[in-house]
Amino acid sequence: MPISQELLEILVCPETKQPLTVAAETLVGQLNERIAQGTLTNRAGATVAEAIDSGLVREDGRYLYPVRDDIPIMLIDEAIAIET
């Protein structure tokens, strides 16, 4: 079940309070490839070991908050930097 529009309107980045948007499937796929390779880390510096189902991208496009089992993980340390 995708994140409802009502929930998306309420959620903001816990660090900057910027609005969030649902990540493109291509971005999620790229991040999951890096997770499978063991090369993706989160803001805390820990290797991300579990694939993500989706993600919420901060308005400035710098970070993605992972979504697993339809639950957004809105912890700053769990955010994943998006390389541009």
PDB file of N, CA and C in Angstrom:
ATOM      1  N   MET A   1       0.850  -1.180   0.000  1.00  0.00           N
ATOM      2  CA  MET A   1       0.000   0.000   0.000  1.00  0.00           C
ATOM      3  C   MET A   1       0.892   1.238   0.000  1.00  0.00           C
ATOM      4  N   PRO A   2       0.731   2.091  -0.991  1.00  0.00           N
ATOM      5  CA  PRO A   2       1.541   3.316  -1.027  1.00  0.00           C
ATOM      6  C   PRO A   2       1.152   4.278   0.092  1.00  0.00           C
ATOM      7  N   ILE A   3       2.038   5.205   0.354  1.00  0.00           N
ATOM      8  CA  ILE A   3       1.780   6.211   1.386  1.00  0.00           C
ATOM      9  C   ILE A   3       0.625   7.096   0.925  1.00  0.00           C
ATOM     10  N   SER A   4      -0.323   7.298   1.805  1.00  0.00           N
ATOM     11  CA  SER A   4      -1.498   8.100   1.449  1.00  0.00           C
ATOM     12  C   SER A   4      -1.111   9.569   1.286  1.00  0.00           C
ATOM     13  N   GLN A   5      -1.869  10.259   0.466  1.00  0.00           N
ATOM     14  CA  GLN A   5      -1.629  11.686   0.236  1.00  0.00           C
ATOM     15  C   GLN A   5      -1.794  12.473   1.533  1.00  0.00           C
ATOM     16  N   GLU A   6      -2.735  12.054   2.371  1.00  0.00           N
ATOM     17  CA  GLU A   6      -2.958  12.746   3.649  1.00  0.00           C
ATOM     18  C   GLU A   6      -1.721  12.657   4.542  1.00  0.00           C
ATOM     19  N   LEU A   7      -1.120  11.459   4.603  1.00  0.00           N
ATOM     20  CA  LEU A   7       0.080  11.282   5.418  1.00  0.00           C
ATOM     21  C   LEU A   7       1.236  12.077   4.820  1.00  0.00           C
ATOM     22  N   LEU A   8       1.356  12.046   3.512  1.00  0.00           N
ATOM     23  CA  LEU A   8       2.437  12.766   2.846  1.00  0.00           C
ATOM     24  C   LEU A   8       2.348  14.271   3.101  1.00  0.00           C
ATOM     25  N   GLU A   9       1.149  14.790   3.210  1.00  0.00           N
ATOM     26  CA  GLU A   9       0.970  16.219   3.483  1.00  0.00           C
ATOM     27  C   GLU A   9       1.367  16.588   4.913  1.00  0.00           C
ATOM     28  N   ILE A  10       1.327  15.623   5.819  1.00  0.00           N
ATOM     29  CA  ILE A  10       1.666  15.866   7.224  1.00  0.00           C
ATOM     30  C   ILE A  10       3.164  15.705   7.472  1.00  0.00           C
ATOM     31  N   LEU A  11       3.768  14.707   6.831  1.00  0.00           N
ATOM     32  CA  LEU A  11       5.174  14.398   7.077  1.00  0.00           C
ATOM     33  C   LEU A  11       6.094  15.485   6.535  1.00  0.00           C
ATOM     34  N   VAL A  12       7.114  15.803   7.308  1.00  0.00           N
ATOM     35  CA  VAL A  12       8.166  16.728   6.890  1.00  0.00           C
ATOM     36  C   VAL A  12       9.499  16.161   7.350  1.00  0.00           C
ATOM     37  N   CYS A  13      10.562  16.668   6.794  1.00  0.00           N
ATOM     38  CA  CYS A  13      11.893  16.263   7.226  1.00  0.00           C
ATOM     39  C   CYS A  13      12.059  16.642   8.697  1.00  0.00           C
ATOM     40  N   PRO A  14      12.484  15.702   9.547  1.00  0.00           N
ATOM     41  CA  PRO A  14      12.641  16.024  10.966  1.00  0.00           C
ATOM     42  C   PRO A  14      13.783  17.004  11.246  1.00  0.00           C
ATOM     43  N   GLU A  15      14.690  17.149  10.309  1.00  0.00           N
ATOM     44  CA  GLU A  15      15.828  18.052  10.499  1.00  0.00           C
ATOM     45  C   GLU A  15      15.512  19.472  10.032  1.00  0.00           C
ATOM     46  N   THR A  16      14.983  19.603   8.816  1.00  0.00           N
ATOM     47  CA  THR A  16      14.803  20.926   8.212  1.00  0.00           C
ATOM     48  C   THR A  16      13.350  21.366   8.106  1.00  0.00           C
ATOM     49  N   LYS A  17      12.446  20.443   8.349  1.00  0.00           N
ATOM     50  CA  LYS A  17      10.991  20.677   8.221  1.00  0.00           C
ATOM     51  C   LYS A  17      10.564  20.904   6.770  1.00  0.00           C
ATOM     52  N   GLN A  18      11.415  20.541   5.818  1.00  0.00           N
ATOM     53  CA  GLN A  18      11.051  20.639   4.406  1.00  0.00           C
ATOM     54  C   GLN A  18      10.002  19.583   4.065  1.00  0.00           C
ATOM     55  N   PRO A  19       9.130  19.875   3.102  1.00  0.00           N
ATOM     56  CA  PRO A  19       8.173  18.863   2.651  1.00  0.00           C
ATOM     57  C   PRO A  19       8.895  17.707   1.965  1.00  0.00           C
ATOM     58  N   LEU A  20       8.197  16.595   1.853  1.00  0.00           N
ATOM     59  CA  LEU A  20       8.757  15.384   1.260  1.00  0.00           C
ATOM     60  C   LEU A  20       7.913  14.944   0.078  1.00  0.00           C
ATOM     61  N   THR A  21       8.554  14.261  -0.865  1.00  0.00           N
ATOM     62  CA  THR A  21       7.838  13.665  -1.986  1.00  0.00           C
ATOM     63  C   THR A  21       8.253  12.204  -2.100  1.00  0.00           C
ATOM     64  N   VAL A  22       7.406  11.409  -2.720  1.00  0.00           N
ATOM     65  CA  VAL A  22       7.710   9.991  -2.905  1.00  0.00           C
ATOM     66  C   VAL A  22       8.822   9.864  -3.947  1.00  0.00           C
ATOM     67  N   ALA A  23       9.814   9.037  -3.636  1.00  0.00           N
ATOM     68  CA  ALA A  23      10.955   8.841  -4.526  1.00  0.00           C
ATOM     69  C   ALA A  23      10.538   8.119  -5.800  1.00  0.00           C
ATOM     70  N   ALA A  24      11.196   8.460  -6.889  1.00  0.00           N
ATOM     71  CA  ALA A  24      10.977   7.772  -8.161  1.00  0.00           C
ATOM     72  C   ALA A  24      11.431   6.317  -8.037  1.00  0.00           C
ATOM     73  N   GLU A  25      10.739   5.432  -8.740  1.00  0.00           N
ATOM     74  CA  GLU A  25      11.090   4.010  -8.695  1.00  0.00           C
ATOM     75  C   GLU A  25      12.515   3.772  -9.176  1.00  0.00           C
ATOM     76  N   THR A  26      12.985   4.573 -10.128  1.00  0.00           N
ATOM     77  CA  THR A  26      14.351   4.396 -10.621  1.00  0.00           C
ATOM     78  C   THR A  26      15.370   4.685  -9.523  1.00  0.00           C
ATOM     79  N   LEU A  27      15.123   5.712  -8.724  1.00  0.00           N
ATOM     80  CA  LEU A  27      16.022   6.030  -7.613  1.00  0.00           C
ATOM     81  C   LEU A  27      16.013   4.908  -6.585  1.00  0.00           C
ATOM     82  N   VAL A  28      14.838   4.413  -6.248  1.00  0.00           N
ATOM     83  CA  VAL A  28      14.733   3.313  -5.281  1.00  0.00           C
ATOM     84  C   VAL A  28      15.499   2.096  -5.806  1.00  0.00           C
ATOM     85  N   GLY A  29      15.359   1.805  -7.085  1.00  0.00           N
ATOM     86  CA  GLY A  29      16.078   0.682  -7.686  1.00  0.00           C
ATOM     87  C   GLY A  29      17.585   0.857  -7.605  1.00  0.00           C
ATOM     88  N   GLN A  30      18.066   2.063  -7.897  1.00  0.00           N
ATOM     89  CA  GLN A  30      19.505   2.341  -7.823  1.00  0.00           C
ATOM     90  C   GLN A  30      20.024   2.174  -6.398  1.00  0.00           C
ATOM     91  N   LEU A  31      19.270   2.677  -5.433  1.00  0.00           N
ATOM     92  CA  LEU A  31      19.696   2.550  -4.037  1.00  0.00           C
ATOM     93  C   LEU A  31      19.687   1.091  -3.607  1.00  0.00           C
ATOM     94  N   ASN A  32      18.682   0.324  -4.026  1.00  0.00           N
ATOM     95  CA  ASN A  32      18.627  -1.093  -3.666  1.00  0.00           C
ATOM     96  C   ASN A  32      19.785  -1.876  -4.280  1.00  0.00           C
ATOM     97  N   GLU A  33      20.241  -1.482  -5.466  1.00  0.00           N
ATOM     98  CA  GLU A  33      21.425  -2.117  -6.056  1.00  0.00           C
ATOM     99  C   GLU A  33      22.645  -1.873  -5.177  1.00  0.00           C
ATOM    100  N   ARG A  34      22.793  -0.644  -4.703  1.00  0.00           N
ATOM    101  CA  ARG A  34      23.931  -0.324  -3.828  1.00  0.00           C
ATOM    102  C   ARG A  34      23.809  -1.032  -2.481  1.00  0.00           C
ATOM    103  N   ILE A  35      22.580  -1.202  -1.992  1.00  0.00           N
ATOM    104  CA  ILE A  35      22.375  -1.954  -0.748  1.00  0.00           C
ATOM    105  C   ILE A  35      22.833  -3.390  -0.956  1.00  0.00           C
ATOM    106  N   ALA A  36      22.441  -3.997  -2.078  1.00  0.00           N
ATOM    107  CA  ALA A  36      22.825  -5.379  -2.379  1.00  0.00           C
ATOM    108  C   ALA A  36      24.343  -5.526  -2.492  1.00  0.00           C
ATOM    109  N   GLN A  37      25.010  -4.489  -2.977  1.00  0.00           N
ATOM    110  CA  GLN A  37      26.470  -4.508  -3.110  1.00  0.00           C
ATOM    111  C   GLN A  37      27.181  -4.196  -1.794  1.00  0.00           C
ATOM    112  N   GLY A  38      26.417  -3.729  -0.806  1.00  0.00           N
ATOM    113  CA  GLY A  38      27.009  -3.386   0.486  1.00  0.00           C
ATOM    114  C   GLY A  38      27.743  -2.058   0.480  1.00  0.00           C
ATOM    115  N   THR A  39      27.385  -1.168  -0.461  1.00  0.00           N
ATOM    116  CA  THR A  39      28.118   0.097  -0.587  1.00  0.00           C
ATOM    117  C   THR A  39      27.317   1.326  -0.168  1.00  0.00           C
ATOM    118  N   LEU A  40      26.104   1.139   0.322  1.00  0.00           N
ATOM    119  CA  LEU A  40      25.267   2.284   0.695  1.00  0.00           C
ATOM    120  C   LEU A  40      25.290   2.480   2.207  1.00  0.00           C
ATOM    121  N   THR A  41      25.548   3.719   2.627  1.00  0.00           N
ATOM    122  CA  THR A  41      25.533   4.031   4.055  1.00  0.00           C
ATOM    123  C   THR A  41      24.487   5.104   4.328  1.00  0.00           C
ATOM    124  N   ASN A  42      24.057   5.157   5.590  1.00  0.00           N
ATOM    125  CA  ASN A  42      23.102   6.194   5.995  1.00  0.00           C
ATOM    126  C   ASN A  42      23.865   7.348   6.639  1.00  0.00           C
ATOM    127  N   ARG A  43      23.144   8.333   7.130  1.00  0.00           N
ATOM    128  CA  ARG A  43      23.802   9.521   7.704  1.00  0.00           C
ATOM    129  C   ARG A  43      24.619   9.204   8.944  1.00  0.00           C
ATOM    130  N   ALA A  44      24.277   8.132   9.631  1.00  0.00           N
ATOM    131  CA  ALA A  44      25.042   7.734  10.811  1.00  0.00           C
ATOM    132  C   ALA A  44      26.342   7.032  10.419  1.00  0.00           C
ATOM    133  N   GLY A  45      26.504   6.747   9.127  1.00  0.00           N
ATOM    134  CA  GLY A  45      27.705   6.065   8.662  1.00  0.00           C
ATOM    135  C   GLY A  45      27.584   4.559   8.658  1.00  0.00           C
ATOM    136  N   ALA A  46      26.425   4.037   9.028  1.00  0.00           N
ATOM    137  CA  ALA A  46      26.210   2.591   9.055  1.00  0.00           C
ATOM    138  C   ALA A  46      25.832   2.092   7.663  1.00  0.00           C
ATOM    139  N   THR A  47      26.304   0.903   7.322  1.00  0.00           N
ATOM    140  CA  THR A  47      25.934   0.287   6.053  1.00  0.00           C
ATOM    141  C   THR A  47      24.466  -0.093   6.096  1.00  0.00           C
ATOM    142  N   VAL A  48      23.733   0.294   5.059  1.00  0.00           N
ATOM    143  CA  VAL A  48      22.316  -0.065   4.961  1.00  0.00           C
ATOM    144  C   VAL A  48      22.258  -1.501   4.464  1.00  0.00           C
ATOM    145  N   ALA A  49      21.669  -2.396   5.269  1.00  0.00           N
ATOM    146  CA  ALA A  49      21.667  -3.817   4.945  1.00  0.00           C
ATOM    147  C   ALA A  49      20.345  -4.308   4.377  1.00  0.00           C
ATOM    148  N   GLU A  50      19.264  -3.604   4.654  1.00  0.00           N
ATOM    149  CA  GLU A  50      17.933  -4.061   4.248  1.00  0.00           C
ATOM    150  C   GLU A  50      17.410  -3.201   3.102  1.00  0.00           C
ATOM    151  N   ALA A  51      16.946  -3.870   2.036  1.00  0.00           N
ATOM    152  CA  ALA A  51      16.397  -3.159   0.881  1.00  0.00           C
ATOM    153  C   ALA A  51      15.227  -2.278   1.310  1.00  0.00           C
ATOM    154  N   ILE A  52      14.996  -1.225   0.538  1.00  0.00           N
ATOM    155  CA  ILE A  52      13.886  -0.322   0.828  1.00  0.00           C
ATOM    156  C   ILE A  52      12.756  -0.575  -0.164  1.00  0.00           C
ATOM    157  N   ASP A  53      11.527  -0.387   0.290  1.00  0.00           N
ATOM    158  CA  ASP A  53      10.357  -0.555  -0.572  1.00  0.00           C
ATOM    159  C   ASP A  53      10.070   0.724  -1.345  1.00  0.00           C
ATOM    160  N   SER A  54      10.382   1.846  -0.726  1.00  0.00           N
ATOM    161  CA  SER A  54      10.132   3.162  -1.298  1.00  0.00           C
ATOM    162  C   SER A  54      10.977   4.149  -0.506  1.00  0.00           C
ATOM    163  N   GLY A  55      10.747   5.420  -0.736  1.00  0.00           N
ATOM    164  CA  GLY A  55      11.473   6.430   0.013  1.00  0.00           C
ATOM    165  C   GLY A  55      10.793   7.772  -0.111  1.00  0.00           C
ATOM    166  N   LEU A  56      11.092   8.640   0.844  1.00  0.00           N
ATOM    167  CA  LEU A  56      10.576  10.005   0.834  1.00  0.00           C
ATOM    168  C   LEU A  56      11.763  10.947   0.692  1.00  0.00           C
ATOM    169  N   VAL A  57      11.727  11.760  -0.339  1.00  0.00           N
ATOM    170  CA  VAL A  57      12.840  12.646  -0.666  1.00  0.00           C
ATOM    171  C   VAL A  57      12.544  14.045  -0.154  1.00  0.00           C
ATOM    172  N   ARG A  58      13.531  14.613   0.517  1.00  0.00           N
ATOM    173  CA  ARG A  58      13.436  15.978   1.012  1.00  0.00           C
ATOM    174  C   ARG A  58      13.329  16.943  -0.164  1.00  0.00           C
ATOM    175  N   GLU A  59      12.670  18.071   0.056  1.00  0.00           N
ATOM    176  CA  GLU A  59      12.426  19.050  -1.004  1.00  0.00           C
ATOM    177  C   GLU A  59      13.706  19.488  -1.720  1.00  0.00           C
ATOM    178  N   ASP A  60      14.811  19.614  -0.984  1.00  0.00           N
ATOM    179  CA  ASP A  60      16.068  20.029  -1.618  1.00  0.00           C
ATOM    180  C   ASP A  60      16.766  18.888  -2.352  1.00  0.00           C
ATOM    181  N   GLY A  61      16.204  17.670  -2.269  1.00  0.00           N
ATOM    182  CA  GLY A  61      16.738  16.531  -2.997  1.00  0.00           C
ATOM    183  C   GLY A  61      18.013  15.941  -2.438  1.00  0.00           C
ATOM    184  N   ARG A  62      18.421  16.346  -1.256  1.00  0.00           N
ATOM    185  CA  ARG A  62      19.693  15.871  -0.696  1.00  0.00           C
ATOM    186  C   ARG A  62      19.588  14.540   0.031  1.00  0.00           C
ATOM    187  N   TYR A  63      18.430  14.258   0.647  1.00  0.00           N
ATOM    188  CA  TYR A  63      18.296  13.042   1.454  1.00  0.00           C
ATOM    189  C   TYR A  63      16.983  12.330   1.187  1.00  0.00           C
ATOM    190  N   LEU A  64      17.030  11.023   1.359  1.00  0.00           N
ATOM    191  CA  LEU A  64      15.857  10.166   1.243  1.00  0.00           C
ATOM    192  C   LEU A  64      15.653   9.458   2.572  1.00  0.00           C
ATOM    193  N   TYR A  65      14.423   9.451   3.041  1.00  0.00           N
ATOM    194  CA  TYR A  65      14.057   8.677   4.224  1.00  0.00           C
ATOM    195  C   TYR A  65      13.458   7.369   3.729  1.00  0.00           C
ATOM    196  N   PRO A  66      14.016   6.228   4.156  1.00  0.00           N
ATOM    197  CA  PRO A  66      13.545   4.948   3.631  1.00  0.00           C
ATOM    198  C   PRO A  66      12.142   4.595   4.113  1.00  0.00           C
ATOM    199  N   VAL A  67      11.442   3.827   3.279  1.00  0.00           N
ATOM    200  CA  VAL A  67      10.135   3.281   3.632  1.00  0.00           C
ATOM    201  C   VAL A  67      10.256   1.766   3.529  1.00  0.00           C
ATOM    202  N   ARG A  68       9.924   1.083   4.621  1.00  0.00           N
ATOM    203  CA  ARG A  68       9.943  -0.384   4.647  1.00  0.00           C
ATOM    204  C   ARG A  68       8.618  -0.869   5.209  1.00  0.00           C
ATOM    205  N   ASP A  69       8.031  -1.844   4.544  1.00  0.00           N
ATOM    206  CA  ASP A  69       6.733  -2.388   4.970  1.00  0.00           C
ATOM    207  C   ASP A  69       5.705  -1.275   5.143  1.00  0.00           C
ATOM    208  N   ASP A  70       5.717  -0.311   4.232  1.00  0.00           N
ATOM    209  CA  ASP A  70       4.787   0.826   4.223  1.00  0.00           C
ATOM    210  C   ASP A  70       4.945   1.761   5.415  1.00  0.00           C
ATOM    211  N   ILE A  71       6.081   1.681   6.110  1.00  0.00           N
ATOM    212  CA  ILE A  71       6.331   2.543   7.269  1.00  0.00           C
ATOM    213  C   ILE A  71       7.521   3.455   6.960  1.00  0.00           C
ATOM    214  N   PRO A  72       7.296   4.771   6.916  1.00  0.00           N
ATOM    215  CA  PRO A  72       8.417   5.686   6.701  1.00  0.00           C
ATOM    216  C   PRO A  72       9.314   5.737   7.940  1.00  0.00           C
ATOM    217  N   ILE A  73      10.614   5.614   7.724  1.00  0.00           N
ATOM    218  CA  ILE A  73      11.594   5.670   8.812  1.00  0.00           C
ATOM    219  C   ILE A  73      12.106   7.110   8.866  1.00  0.00           C
ATOM    220  N   MET A  74      11.504   7.903   9.747  1.00  0.00           N
ATOM    221  CA  MET A  74      11.759   9.343   9.778  1.00  0.00           C
ATOM    222  C   MET A  74      12.800   9.727  10.836  1.00  0.00           C
ATOM    223  N   LEU A  75      13.898   8.997  10.870  1.00  0.00           N
ATOM    224  CA  LEU A  75      14.992   9.288  11.792  1.00  0.00           C
ATOM    225  C   LEU A  75      16.143   9.901  10.999  1.00  0.00           C
ATOM    226  N   ILE A  76      16.693  10.989  11.488  1.00  0.00           N
ATOM    227  CA  ILE A  76      17.762  11.687  10.771  1.00  0.00           C
ATOM    228  C   ILE A  76      18.924  10.748  10.469  1.00  0.00           C
ATOM    229  N   ASP A  77      19.334   9.931  11.432  1.00  0.00           N
ATOM    230  CA  ASP A  77      20.460   9.018  11.225  1.00  0.00           C
ATOM    231  C   ASP A  77      20.176   7.953  10.174  1.00  0.00           C
ATOM    232  N   GLU A  78      18.907   7.653   9.906  1.00  0.00           N
ATOM    233  CA  GLU A  78      18.543   6.634   8.916  1.00  0.00           C
ATOM    234  C   GLU A  78      18.434   7.202   7.504  1.00  0.00           C
ATOM    235  N   ALA A  79      18.480   8.528   7.367  1.00  0.00           N
ATOM    236  CA  ALA A  79      18.378   9.150   6.045  1.00  0.00           C
ATOM    237  C   ALA A  79      19.559   8.729   5.175  1.00  0.00           C
ATOM    238  N   ILE A  80      19.301   8.650   3.879  1.00  0.00           N
ATOM    239  CA  ILE A  80      20.310   8.238   2.907  1.00  0.00           C
ATOM    240  C   ILE A  80      20.594   9.430   1.996  1.00  0.00           C
ATOM    241  N   ALA A  81      21.868   9.774   1.882  1.00  0.00           N
ATOM    242  CA  ALA A  81      22.251  10.877   0.995  1.00  0.00           C
ATOM    243  C   ALA A  81      22.011  10.466  -0.448  1.00  0.00           C
ATOM    244  N   ILE A  82      21.452  11.386  -1.215  1.00  0.00           N
ATOM    245  CA  ILE A  82      21.228  11.146  -2.635  1.00  0.00           C
ATOM    246  C   ILE A  82      22.344  11.844  -3.389  1.00  0.00           C
ATOM    247  N   GLU A  83      23.138  11.062  -4.088  1.00  0.00           N
ATOM    248  CA  GLU A  83      24.254  11.621  -4.851  1.00  0.00           C
ATOM    249  C   GLU A  83      23.729  12.168  -6.159  1.00  0.00           C
ATOM    250  N   THR A  84      24.120  13.376  -6.460  1.00  0.00           N
ATOM    251  CA  THR A  84      23.662  13.987  -7.712  1.00  0.00           C
ATOM    252  C   THR A  84      24.789  14.111  -8.704  1.00  0.00           C
TER     253      THR A  84
END
